[in-house]
Amino acid sequence: MGFFLRLIISNVFSILQILIVVRAFLSWMPHDSRGQYTILLYTITESILGPIRSNLPVQSSGFDLSPIIAFFLLGFLKKLLLVAV
């Protein structure tokens, strides 16, 4: 049971990290923001990035640090949960 729980935790957090990286790359490239997969990607990642973005100080620089912070926070939480299991 412990092995499967570790596998699920590891895979879920890895997929979330990949989705955040994909969203960060999409922000640099022209894409259809009304596409089915893009909307799904934004819906999933915004639940993670939104609270981080709202708690960051100055956003006027034009560079969004929330994907970087979210990526490292997810990695930290993943390791913390894997140690606890």
C-alpha atoms as a PDB file:
ATOM      1  CA  MET A   1       0.000   0.000   0.000  1.00  0.00           C
ATOM      2  CA  GLY A   2       2.829   2.396   0.873  1.00  0.00           C
ATOM      3  CA  PHE A   3       4.504   1.844  -2.485  1.00  0.00           C
ATOM      4  CA  PHE A   4       1.358   2.723  -4.431  1.00  0.00           C
ATOM      5  CA  LEU A   5       0.729   5.805  -2.311  1.00  0.00           C
ATOM      6  CA  ARG A   6       4.292   6.999  -2.915  1.00  0.00           C
ATOM      7  CA  LEU A   7       3.894   6.341  -6.624  1.00  0.00           C
ATOM      8  CA  ILE A   8       0.630   8.297  -6.815  1.00  0.00           C
ATOM      9  CA  ILE A   9       2.013  11.248  -4.813  1.00  0.00           C
ATOM     10  CA  SER A  10       5.173  11.355  -6.896  1.00  0.00           C
ATOM     11  CA  ASN A  11       3.321  11.172 -10.226  1.00  0.00           C
ATOM     12  CA  VAL A  12       0.655  13.753  -9.332  1.00  0.00           C
ATOM     13  CA  PHE A  13       3.212  16.308  -8.193  1.00  0.00           C
ATOM     14  CA  SER A  14       5.452  15.622 -11.203  1.00  0.00           C
ATOM     15  CA  ILE A  15       2.529  16.119 -13.587  1.00  0.00           C
ATOM     16  CA  LEU A  16       1.632  19.402 -11.869  1.00  0.00           C
ATOM     17  CA  GLN A  17       5.226  20.596 -12.207  1.00  0.00           C
ATOM     18  CA  ILE A  18       5.247  19.686 -15.899  1.00  0.00           C
ATOM     19  CA  LEU A  19       1.965  21.525 -16.465  1.00  0.00           C
ATOM     20  CA  ILE A  20       3.388  24.654 -14.823  1.00  0.00           C
ATOM     21  CA  VAL A  21       6.472  24.504 -17.054  1.00  0.00           C
ATOM     22  CA  VAL A  22       4.273  24.055 -20.147  1.00  0.00           C
ATOM     23  CA  ARG A  23       2.166  27.055 -19.126  1.00  0.00           C
ATOM     24  CA  ALA A  24       5.288  29.168 -18.615  1.00  0.00           C
ATOM     25  CA  PHE A  25       6.534  28.239 -22.109  1.00  0.00           C
ATOM     26  CA  LEU A  26       3.111  28.961 -23.607  1.00  0.00           C
ATOM     27  CA  SER A  27       3.253  32.476 -22.195  1.00  0.00           C
ATOM     28  CA  TRP A  28       6.266  33.153 -24.449  1.00  0.00           C
ATOM     29  CA  MET A  29       4.740  31.747 -27.641  1.00  0.00           C
ATOM     30  CA  PRO A  30       1.676  32.727 -29.633  1.00  0.00           C
ATOM     31  CA  HIS A  31      -1.120  30.226 -29.051  1.00  0.00           C
ATOM     32  CA  ASP A  32      -4.886  29.910 -29.171  1.00  0.00           C
ATOM     33  CA  SER A  33      -5.990  30.942 -25.674  1.00  0.00           C
ATOM     34  CA  ARG A  34      -9.500  29.646 -26.367  1.00  0.00           C
ATOM     35  CA  GLY A  35      -8.405  26.146 -27.267  1.00  0.00           C
ATOM     36  CA  GLN A  36      -9.776  23.220 -25.300  1.00  0.00           C
ATOM     37  CA  TYR A  37      -6.396  22.057 -23.994  1.00  0.00           C
ATOM     38  CA  THR A  38      -5.209  25.563 -23.211  1.00  0.00           C
ATOM     39  CA  ILE A  39      -8.306  26.260 -21.134  1.00  0.00           C
ATOM     40  CA  LEU A  40      -7.816  22.970 -19.286  1.00  0.00           C
ATOM     41  CA  LEU A  41      -4.155  23.800 -18.664  1.00  0.00           C
ATOM     42  CA  TYR A  42      -4.993  27.280 -17.366  1.00  0.00           C
ATOM     43  CA  THR A  43      -7.790  25.917 -15.145  1.00  0.00           C
ATOM     44  CA  ILE A  44      -5.514  23.359 -13.498  1.00  0.00           C
ATOM     45  CA  THR A  45      -2.488  25.603 -13.048  1.00  0.00           C
ATOM     46  CA  GLU A  46      -4.324  28.769 -12.043  1.00  0.00           C
ATOM     47  CA  SER A  47      -5.494  27.092  -8.839  1.00  0.00           C
ATOM     48  CA  ILE A  48      -1.811  26.825  -7.894  1.00  0.00           C
ATOM     49  CA  LEU A  49      -0.421  29.996  -9.447  1.00  0.00           C
ATOM     50  CA  GLY A  50      -3.259  32.356  -8.476  1.00  0.00           C
ATOM     51  CA  PRO A  51      -2.699  32.349  -4.696  1.00  0.00           C
ATOM     52  CA  ILE A  52       1.070  32.633  -5.149  1.00  0.00           C
ATOM     53  CA  ARG A  53       0.657  35.525  -7.586  1.00  0.00           C
ATOM     54  CA  SER A  54      -1.713  37.366  -5.244  1.00  0.00           C
ATOM     55  CA  ASN A  55       0.767  37.100  -2.346  1.00  0.00           C
ATOM     56  CA  LEU A  56       3.798  38.268  -4.304  1.00  0.00           C
ATOM     57  CA  PRO A  57       4.812  41.879  -3.841  1.00  0.00           C
ATOM     58  CA  VAL A  58       5.429  44.144  -6.839  1.00  0.00           C
ATOM     59  CA  GLN A  59       4.150  42.732 -10.156  1.00  0.00           C
ATOM     60  CA  SER A  60       4.932  45.806 -12.242  1.00  0.00           C
ATOM     61  CA  SER A  61       8.229  44.467 -13.600  1.00  0.00           C
ATOM     62  CA  GLY A  62       6.404  42.426 -16.255  1.00  0.00           C
ATOM     63  CA  PHE A  63       8.106  39.208 -15.158  1.00  0.00           C
ATOM     64  CA  ASP A  64       5.906  36.691 -13.359  1.00  0.00           C
ATOM     65  CA  LEU A  65       7.838  34.723 -10.746  1.00  0.00           C
ATOM     66  CA  SER A  66       4.872  32.626  -9.637  1.00  0.00           C
ATOM     67  CA  PRO A  67       5.637  29.617 -11.916  1.00  0.00           C
ATOM     68  CA  ILE A  68       9.178  29.406 -10.530  1.00  0.00           C
ATOM     69  CA  ILE A  69       7.987  29.646  -6.939  1.00  0.00           C
ATOM     70  CA  ALA A  70       5.181  27.146  -7.563  1.00  0.00           C
ATOM     71  CA  PHE A  71       7.591  24.683  -9.203  1.00  0.00           C
ATOM     72  CA  PHE A  72       9.899  24.703  -6.172  1.00  0.00           C
ATOM     73  CA  LEU A  73       7.033  24.652  -3.663  1.00  0.00           C
ATOM     74  CA  LEU A  74       5.516  21.620  -5.368  1.00  0.00           C
ATOM     75  CA  GLY A  75       8.893  19.893  -5.305  1.00  0.00           C
ATOM     76  CA  PHE A  76       9.268  20.664  -1.601  1.00  0.00           C
ATOM     77  CA  LEU A  77       5.742  19.437  -0.787  1.00  0.00           C
ATOM     78  CA  LYS A  78       6.339  16.288  -2.819  1.00  0.00           C
ATOM     79  CA  LYS A  79       9.492  15.452  -0.876  1.00  0.00           C
ATOM     80  CA  LEU A  80       7.788  16.299   2.425  1.00  0.00           C
ATOM     81  CA  LEU A  81       4.847  14.017   1.677  1.00  0.00           C
ATOM     82  CA  LEU A  82       7.065  11.200   0.442  1.00  0.00           C
ATOM     83  CA  VAL A  83       9.092  11.295   3.656  1.00  0.00           C
ATOM     84  CA  ALA A  84       5.902  11.274   5.720  1.00  0.00           C
ATOM     85  CA  VAL A  85       4.467   8.215   3.951  1.00  0.00           C
END
